[in-house]
Amino acid sequence: MIRHNLFYFLATIAPFTTVAFTSKPYSGPSFALSAEKKKVFIDGEAGTTGLQVRDRLADRDDIEIISIPDELRKDEAERKKYINEADAVILCLPDAASIEAASWVESDNDRTVLIDASTAFRVDDAWTYGFPELSPDQKDSIKKTKRISNPGCYPTGFIGLTRPLVDAGIIPAGTPLTVNAISGYTGGGKGLMAIFEEGDHEPWAGYGYSLAHKHIPEMGKYSGLGTKPIFQPQIASFAQGMVVSVPLHYGWLKEGTTGADIHAALSKHYEDSAFISVMPYGEAAVKEADLLERGAFLRPDTLANTNKMEMFVFANDDLGQALLCARLDNLGKGASGAAVQNLNLALGFDEKTGL
């Protein structure tokens, strides 16, 4: 008998859920250890994304992490002080808390960069969408802005697969797509992690049956489709990693399109990317490259603890069908890794630093 109501947690999963963990020991505020270092404040550093961001920054000599003592983490005045003292703030908070924290930047502070990991600002035109690989000019836009919305994990895969094809004219704007995705359970926060790590649990669970998941608006906007896909997310009994899949019928696409054309368009778009790779075309080539577990399975956790994303194109030209898949770490390129990549760009560092 399952003792926990898994679906209660799944129905309320936000892209970021604060989780209490023990982080590295606090050494007290030190706002001026080095004039050369950039000061970074992680508001919500005790959660899943916050801890992973901190770990990626901890050993860097160009960053100084400024941390509030544990007993003051919820003190509004203290948080305001740290937000305005920092060169960059990464908000690892639920939506409402992120909106509140963003409002605390003083009116005369035109220096502090905010990077928000929630869904609060992802379709807000006043914020720059933090997917550097989105288009040729997106990286420069991130470098110039002071407000960056970190993408969701599922949208990173969906947008990464579809936006280049929309821009290339292969997928017409307005095409009603479906996206199926499976993720590790860590994206669900403390409650879901407790279910999968401490007690009896389902081996797999689909959710989002309201068809109103919080990731859908950014999928529709930044894919360039202009229409919201049907999104069917799933959670399974592994901690980190995900595979996002988008099926295509050739009848939806530019006339004459083949699977090789799709693969070529994605390859061209990502040819200079530091983190996104387009894998060999088709099942036979993917098998030959030993990228399918047991010669059959596309394993979702292969890229855990990295900022990488791999793109796959499987196609059957005779049937006029293709399946696009993106593999990434839900806590890496889907969350904390992306936040650090955006931080690097916003502060003038090489985007690969610490990643």
Protein backbone atom coordinates (compact mmCIF):
# COMPACT_ATOMS: atom_id res chain seq x y z
CA MET A 1 0.00 0.00 0.00
CA ILE A 2 1.57 3.25 -1.03
CA ARG A 3 1.72 5.49 2.01
CA HIS A 4 2.10 8.82 0.28
CA ASN A 5 -0.07 10.64 -2.19
CA LEU A 6 2.44 11.10 -4.98
CA PHE A 7 -0.03 12.81 -7.23
CA TYR A 8 -0.65 15.57 -4.70
CA PHE A 9 3.00 16.52 -4.98
CA LEU A 10 3.05 16.19 -8.76
CA ALA A 11 0.03 18.41 -9.16
CA THR A 12 1.78 21.17 -7.26
CA ILE A 13 5.31 20.77 -8.61
CA ALA A 14 6.82 24.10 -9.58
CA PRO A 15 9.94 24.27 -11.74
CA PHE A 16 11.82 25.08 -8.54
CA THR A 17 10.88 23.90 -5.08
CA THR A 18 12.95 24.92 -2.08
CA VAL A 19 14.43 21.96 -0.24
CA ALA A 20 16.23 22.11 3.07
CA PHE A 21 19.72 20.63 2.86
CA THR A 22 22.94 21.22 4.71
CA SER A 23 25.17 23.36 2.52
CA LYS A 24 28.80 24.32 3.01
CA PRO A 25 29.49 26.02 6.37
CA TYR A 26 28.65 29.71 6.54
CA SER A 27 31.72 31.82 7.25
CA GLY A 28 29.96 35.12 7.85
CA PRO A 29 29.33 38.02 5.49
CA SER A 30 32.40 39.43 3.85
CA PHE A 31 31.40 41.93 1.22
CA ALA A 32 34.92 43.12 0.44
CA LEU A 33 37.34 40.19 0.50
CA SER A 34 38.65 41.12 -2.91
CA ALA A 35 37.86 44.09 -5.13
CA GLU A 36 38.52 41.89 -8.14
CA LYS A 37 36.00 39.21 -7.32
CA LYS A 38 32.36 39.44 -8.34
CA LYS A 39 29.99 39.09 -5.40
CA VAL A 40 27.19 36.58 -5.93
CA PHE A 41 24.24 36.08 -3.59
CA ILE A 42 22.13 32.93 -3.96
CA ASP A 43 18.73 33.68 -2.44
CA GLY A 44 17.44 30.22 -1.60
CA GLU A 45 20.82 28.51 -1.53
CA ALA A 46 19.56 25.68 0.71
CA GLY A 47 17.30 24.26 -2.01
CA THR A 48 18.04 21.78 -4.78
CA THR A 49 18.95 24.35 -7.44
CA GLY A 50 20.60 26.71 -4.94
CA LEU A 51 22.88 24.01 -3.57
CA GLN A 52 23.95 22.93 -7.04
CA VAL A 53 24.61 26.52 -8.10
CA ARG A 54 26.73 27.01 -4.99
CA ASP A 55 28.69 23.83 -5.64
CA ARG A 56 29.47 25.00 -9.19
CA LEU A 57 30.74 28.34 -7.88
CA ALA A 58 32.44 27.28 -4.65
CA ASP A 59 35.95 26.65 -6.00
CA ARG A 60 36.16 29.64 -8.32
CA ASP A 61 38.67 32.40 -7.64
CA ASP A 62 36.74 35.02 -9.64
CA ILE A 63 33.53 34.71 -7.58
CA GLU A 64 32.83 35.52 -3.94
CA ILE A 65 29.66 33.89 -2.65
CA ILE A 66 28.05 36.07 0.00
CA SER A 67 25.73 34.12 2.29
CA ILE A 68 23.22 35.09 4.95
CA PRO A 69 23.58 33.26 8.28
CA ASP A 70 21.07 30.44 8.54
CA GLU A 71 19.12 32.14 11.31
CA LEU A 72 18.61 35.24 9.12
CA ARG A 73 17.73 33.52 5.85
CA LYS A 74 14.11 34.69 6.11
CA ASP A 75 14.91 38.15 7.43
CA GLU A 76 13.61 40.63 4.86
CA ALA A 77 15.95 43.49 5.75
CA GLU A 78 18.99 41.21 5.64
CA ARG A 79 18.01 39.75 2.27
CA LYS A 80 17.47 43.23 0.84
CA LYS A 81 20.95 44.23 1.99
CA TYR A 82 22.59 41.24 0.35
CA ILE A 83 20.59 41.63 -2.87
CA ASN A 84 21.76 45.22 -3.31
CA GLU A 85 25.34 44.49 -2.25
CA ALA A 86 25.83 41.71 -4.81
CA ASP A 87 27.02 42.04 -8.39
CA ALA A 88 24.63 39.22 -9.25
CA VAL A 89 21.78 37.50 -7.44
CA ILE A 90 20.43 34.08 -8.35
CA LEU A 91 16.87 33.70 -7.09
CA CYS A 92 16.21 30.04 -6.27
CA LEU A 93 12.75 30.61 -4.86
CA PRO A 94 9.08 29.83 -5.55
CA ASP A 95 7.36 32.26 -7.92
CA ALA A 96 5.77 34.58 -5.36
CA ALA A 97 8.97 34.84 -3.34
CA SER A 98 10.98 35.61 -6.48
CA ILE A 99 8.61 38.41 -7.45
CA GLU A 100 8.94 39.89 -3.97
CA ALA A 101 12.74 39.59 -3.90
CA ALA A 102 13.09 41.16 -7.35
CA SER A 103 11.15 44.19 -6.11
CA TRP A 104 13.76 44.80 -3.42
CA VAL A 105 16.42 46.02 -5.85
CA GLU A 106 16.81 49.70 -4.99
CA SER A 107 15.70 52.23 -7.58
CA ASP A 108 19.19 53.67 -7.95
CA ASN A 109 20.84 50.24 -8.29
CA ASP A 110 21.57 49.75 -11.98
CA ARG A 111 24.45 47.36 -11.28
CA THR A 112 23.01 44.17 -9.77
CA VAL A 113 22.10 41.37 -12.18
CA LEU A 114 19.11 39.21 -11.24
CA ILE A 115 18.83 35.64 -12.51
CA ASP A 116 15.51 34.07 -11.59
CA ALA A 117 15.13 30.28 -11.55
CA SER A 118 11.33 30.28 -11.07
CA THR A 119 8.61 30.64 -13.71
CA ALA A 120 7.70 34.12 -12.47
CA PHE A 121 9.35 36.12 -15.26
CA ARG A 122 9.87 33.63 -18.08
CA VAL A 123 7.37 35.17 -20.47
CA ASP A 124 7.85 38.73 -19.17
CA ASP A 125 9.23 40.89 -22.00
CA ALA A 126 11.10 43.02 -19.46
CA TRP A 127 13.28 40.00 -18.69
CA THR A 128 15.70 38.28 -21.08
CA TYR A 129 15.13 34.57 -21.57
CA GLY A 130 18.26 32.78 -20.37
CA PHE A 131 18.74 30.24 -23.14
CA PRO A 132 21.98 31.45 -24.78
CA GLU A 133 21.63 28.98 -27.66
CA LEU A 134 18.13 30.21 -28.58
CA SER A 135 19.25 32.36 -31.52
CA PRO A 136 22.45 33.96 -32.86
CA ASP A 137 21.91 37.16 -30.85
CA GLN A 138 20.59 35.68 -27.59
CA LYS A 139 23.99 35.39 -25.97
CA ASP A 140 24.68 39.09 -26.54
CA SER A 141 21.24 39.96 -25.15
CA ILE A 142 22.07 38.07 -21.96
CA LYS A 143 25.41 39.87 -21.67
CA LYS A 144 23.71 43.28 -21.84
CA THR A 145 20.73 42.76 -19.55
CA LYS A 146 20.30 42.99 -15.78
CA ARG A 147 17.24 40.73 -15.66
CA ILE A 148 17.51 37.09 -16.79
CA SER A 149 14.81 34.42 -16.50
CA ASN A 150 16.35 30.96 -16.30
CA PRO A 151 14.50 28.46 -18.54
CA GLY A 152 12.57 25.49 -17.18
CA CYS A 153 14.05 22.03 -17.57
CA TYR A 154 11.36 20.62 -19.87
CA PRO A 155 11.21 23.78 -22.03
CA THR A 156 14.99 23.69 -22.47
CA GLY A 157 14.62 20.38 -24.30
CA PHE A 158 11.47 21.30 -26.24
CA ILE A 159 12.62 24.75 -27.32
CA GLY A 160 16.10 23.45 -28.08
CA LEU A 161 14.60 20.91 -30.49
CA THR A 162 11.96 23.07 -32.15
CA ARG A 163 13.18 26.68 -32.34
CA PRO A 164 15.94 25.96 -34.90
CA LEU A 165 13.44 24.15 -37.10
CA VAL A 166 10.92 26.99 -36.91
CA ASP A 167 13.67 29.50 -37.75
CA ALA A 168 14.77 27.32 -40.68
CA GLY A 169 11.21 27.19 -42.03
CA ILE A 170 10.92 23.43 -41.54
CA ILE A 171 8.19 23.61 -38.87
CA PRO A 172 5.61 26.28 -39.77
CA ALA A 173 4.60 28.67 -37.00
CA GLY A 174 1.30 27.60 -35.49
CA THR A 175 1.94 23.87 -35.85
CA PRO A 176 0.19 22.11 -32.91
CA LEU A 177 2.87 19.84 -31.49
CA THR A 178 2.97 17.32 -28.68
CA VAL A 179 5.86 16.97 -26.24
CA ASN A 180 6.37 13.89 -24.07
CA ALA A 181 9.03 14.00 -21.38
CA ILE A 182 10.35 11.94 -18.50
CA SER A 183 12.40 13.39 -15.65
CA GLY A 184 14.19 12.33 -12.52
CA TYR A 185 12.30 12.93 -9.29
CA THR A 186 14.65 15.61 -7.89
CA GLY A 187 12.71 18.31 -9.74
CA GLY A 188 9.82 17.77 -7.33
CA GLY A 189 11.58 19.03 -4.21
CA LYS A 190 11.66 17.69 -0.69
CA GLY A 191 8.22 16.06 -0.67
CA LEU A 192 8.72 14.09 -3.85
CA MET A 193 12.30 13.17 -2.97
CA ALA A 194 11.11 11.78 0.36
CA ILE A 195 8.59 9.58 -1.43
CA PHE A 196 11.15 8.14 -3.83
CA GLU A 197 14.02 7.83 -1.36
CA GLU A 198 12.34 6.88 1.91
CA GLY A 199 9.15 4.94 1.26
CA ASP A 200 7.02 2.92 -1.10
CA HIS A 201 6.40 4.71 -4.37
CA GLU A 202 5.12 4.33 -7.89
CA PRO A 203 7.80 3.24 -10.40
CA TRP A 204 6.50 5.81 -12.89
CA ALA A 205 3.88 8.55 -12.88
CA GLY A 206 2.43 10.78 -15.55
CA TYR A 207 0.98 14.10 -14.40
CA GLY A 208 -0.12 17.50 -15.70
CA TYR A 209 -3.54 16.23 -16.75
CA SER A 210 -5.06 19.70 -16.46
CA LEU A 211 -3.06 20.51 -19.63
CA ALA A 212 -1.99 23.71 -17.86
CA HIS A 213 1.54 22.95 -16.66
CA LYS A 214 3.51 26.08 -15.76
CA HIS A 215 6.15 25.34 -18.39
CA ILE A 216 3.74 25.51 -21.33
CA PRO A 217 3.66 29.32 -21.86
CA GLU A 218 7.42 29.57 -22.38
CA MET A 219 7.31 26.55 -24.70
CA GLY A 220 4.80 28.29 -26.93
CA LYS A 221 6.58 31.64 -26.86
CA TYR A 222 10.26 30.80 -27.27
CA SER A 223 9.85 27.88 -29.66
CA GLY A 224 8.61 30.47 -32.14
CA LEU A 225 5.52 28.34 -32.75
CA GLY A 226 3.16 30.89 -31.27
CA THR A 227 0.90 28.07 -30.14
CA LYS A 228 1.06 25.99 -26.97
CA PRO A 229 1.95 22.31 -27.32
CA ILE A 230 0.17 19.47 -25.58
CA PHE A 231 2.62 18.58 -22.83
CA GLN A 232 2.70 15.19 -21.11
CA PRO A 233 5.34 15.18 -18.34
CA GLN A 234 6.33 12.09 -16.39
CA ILE A 235 8.39 11.29 -13.29
CA ALA A 236 10.20 8.00 -12.70
CA SER A 237 12.35 6.37 -10.04
CA PHE A 238 15.74 7.86 -10.92
CA ALA A 239 17.16 11.00 -9.35
CA GLN A 240 18.55 13.21 -12.12
CA GLY A 241 18.27 13.44 -15.88
CA MET A 242 15.55 13.66 -18.48
CA VAL A 243 14.57 12.91 -22.06
CA VAL A 244 12.22 15.30 -23.87
CA SER A 245 10.60 13.88 -27.04
CA VAL A 246 8.75 15.63 -29.86
CA PRO A 247 7.07 13.47 -32.56
CA LEU A 248 6.64 14.94 -36.05
CA HIS A 249 4.60 13.95 -39.09
CA TYR A 250 6.18 15.11 -42.33
CA GLY A 251 2.75 16.33 -43.44
CA TRP A 252 3.07 19.10 -40.86
CA LEU A 253 6.44 20.23 -42.20
CA LYS A 254 7.82 22.18 -45.15
CA GLU A 255 7.08 20.16 -48.28
CA GLY A 256 9.84 17.73 -49.18
CA THR A 257 11.44 17.68 -45.72
CA THR A 258 13.30 14.50 -44.77
CA GLY A 259 14.81 13.30 -41.53
CA ALA A 260 18.25 14.22 -42.87
CA ASP A 261 17.04 17.80 -43.44
CA ILE A 262 15.89 18.03 -39.83
CA HIS A 263 19.21 16.69 -38.59
CA ALA A 264 21.16 19.10 -40.83
CA ALA A 265 19.19 22.11 -39.56
CA LEU A 266 19.82 21.22 -35.92
CA SER A 267 23.50 20.49 -36.62
CA LYS A 268 23.97 23.86 -38.28
CA HIS A 269 22.24 25.73 -35.45
CA TYR A 270 24.38 24.13 -32.73
CA GLU A 271 27.68 23.76 -34.61
CA ASP A 272 29.45 26.31 -32.39
CA SER A 273 27.69 25.49 -29.11
CA ALA A 274 29.82 24.76 -26.07
CA PHE A 275 27.17 22.61 -24.39
CA ILE A 276 24.66 21.32 -26.94
CA SER A 277 25.61 18.49 -29.30
CA VAL A 278 23.64 16.95 -32.16
CA MET A 279 24.23 13.22 -32.15
CA PRO A 280 24.57 10.97 -35.24
CA TYR A 281 21.48 10.76 -37.43
CA GLY A 282 19.09 7.86 -37.09
CA GLU A 283 18.81 4.75 -34.96
CA ALA A 284 21.47 2.74 -36.80
CA ALA A 285 24.13 5.45 -36.39
CA VAL A 286 23.19 6.05 -32.75
CA LYS A 287 23.54 2.31 -32.09
CA GLU A 288 26.89 2.23 -33.85
CA ALA A 289 28.08 5.10 -31.64
CA ASP A 290 27.02 3.03 -28.59
CA LEU A 291 24.57 5.70 -27.44
CA LEU A 292 21.67 3.35 -26.74
CA GLU A 293 21.84 1.33 -23.53
CA ARG A 294 21.77 -2.41 -24.35
CA GLY A 295 21.55 -1.35 -27.97
CA ALA A 296 17.94 -0.22 -27.48
CA PHE A 297 17.33 2.25 -24.65
CA LEU A 298 17.90 6.01 -24.59
CA ARG A 299 18.92 6.32 -20.96
CA PRO A 300 17.79 9.60 -19.33
CA ASP A 301 20.46 9.99 -16.61
CA THR A 302 23.62 9.82 -18.74
CA LEU A 303 24.32 13.56 -18.49
CA ALA A 304 23.69 13.94 -14.75
CA ASN A 305 25.78 16.67 -13.10
CA THR A 306 26.70 18.33 -16.40
CA ASN A 307 25.49 21.38 -18.34
CA LYS A 308 25.32 19.36 -21.55
CA MET A 309 22.36 18.59 -23.76
CA GLU A 310 22.30 16.02 -26.55
CA MET A 311 19.92 16.17 -29.53
CA PHE A 312 18.77 13.08 -31.40
CA VAL A 313 16.85 12.77 -34.68
CA PHE A 314 15.22 9.41 -35.40
CA ALA A 315 13.25 9.19 -38.64
CA ASN A 316 11.42 6.89 -41.02
CA ASP A 317 11.16 8.64 -44.38
CA ASP A 318 9.03 5.84 -45.83
CA LEU A 319 6.39 6.46 -43.17
CA GLY A 320 6.91 10.22 -43.19
CA GLN A 321 7.62 10.39 -39.46
CA ALA A 322 10.38 11.66 -37.19
CA LEU A 323 11.02 11.63 -33.47
CA LEU A 324 13.20 14.35 -31.93
CA CYS A 325 14.74 13.73 -28.50
CA ALA A 326 16.73 15.94 -26.16
CA ARG A 327 18.68 14.43 -23.27
CA LEU A 328 19.87 16.63 -20.40
CA ASP A 329 20.19 16.86 -16.63
CA ASN A 330 17.06 18.43 -15.13
CA LEU A 331 19.26 20.00 -12.42
CA GLY A 332 22.12 20.87 -14.82
CA LYS A 333 21.31 22.41 -18.20
CA GLY A 334 17.71 22.35 -16.96
CA ALA A 335 18.41 24.48 -13.86
CA SER A 336 21.64 25.23 -11.97
CA GLY A 337 24.07 24.69 -14.85
CA ALA A 338 22.07 27.08 -17.02
CA ALA A 339 22.00 29.62 -14.18
CA VAL A 340 25.80 29.54 -13.91
CA GLN A 341 26.15 29.78 -17.70
CA ASN A 342 23.92 32.88 -17.64
CA LEU A 343 25.82 34.27 -14.67
CA ASN A 344 29.10 33.89 -16.54
CA LEU A 345 27.76 35.75 -19.57
CA ALA A 346 26.19 38.52 -17.50
CA LEU A 347 29.37 39.12 -15.48
CA GLY A 348 31.74 39.02 -18.46
CA PHE A 349 33.28 35.59 -17.87
CA ASP A 350 33.71 32.81 -20.42
CA GLU A 351 30.39 30.94 -20.46
CA LYS A 352 32.15 27.62 -19.79
CA THR A 353 33.83 28.75 -16.55
CA GLY A 354 32.99 26.35 -13.71
CA LEU A 355 30.99 24.13 -16.04
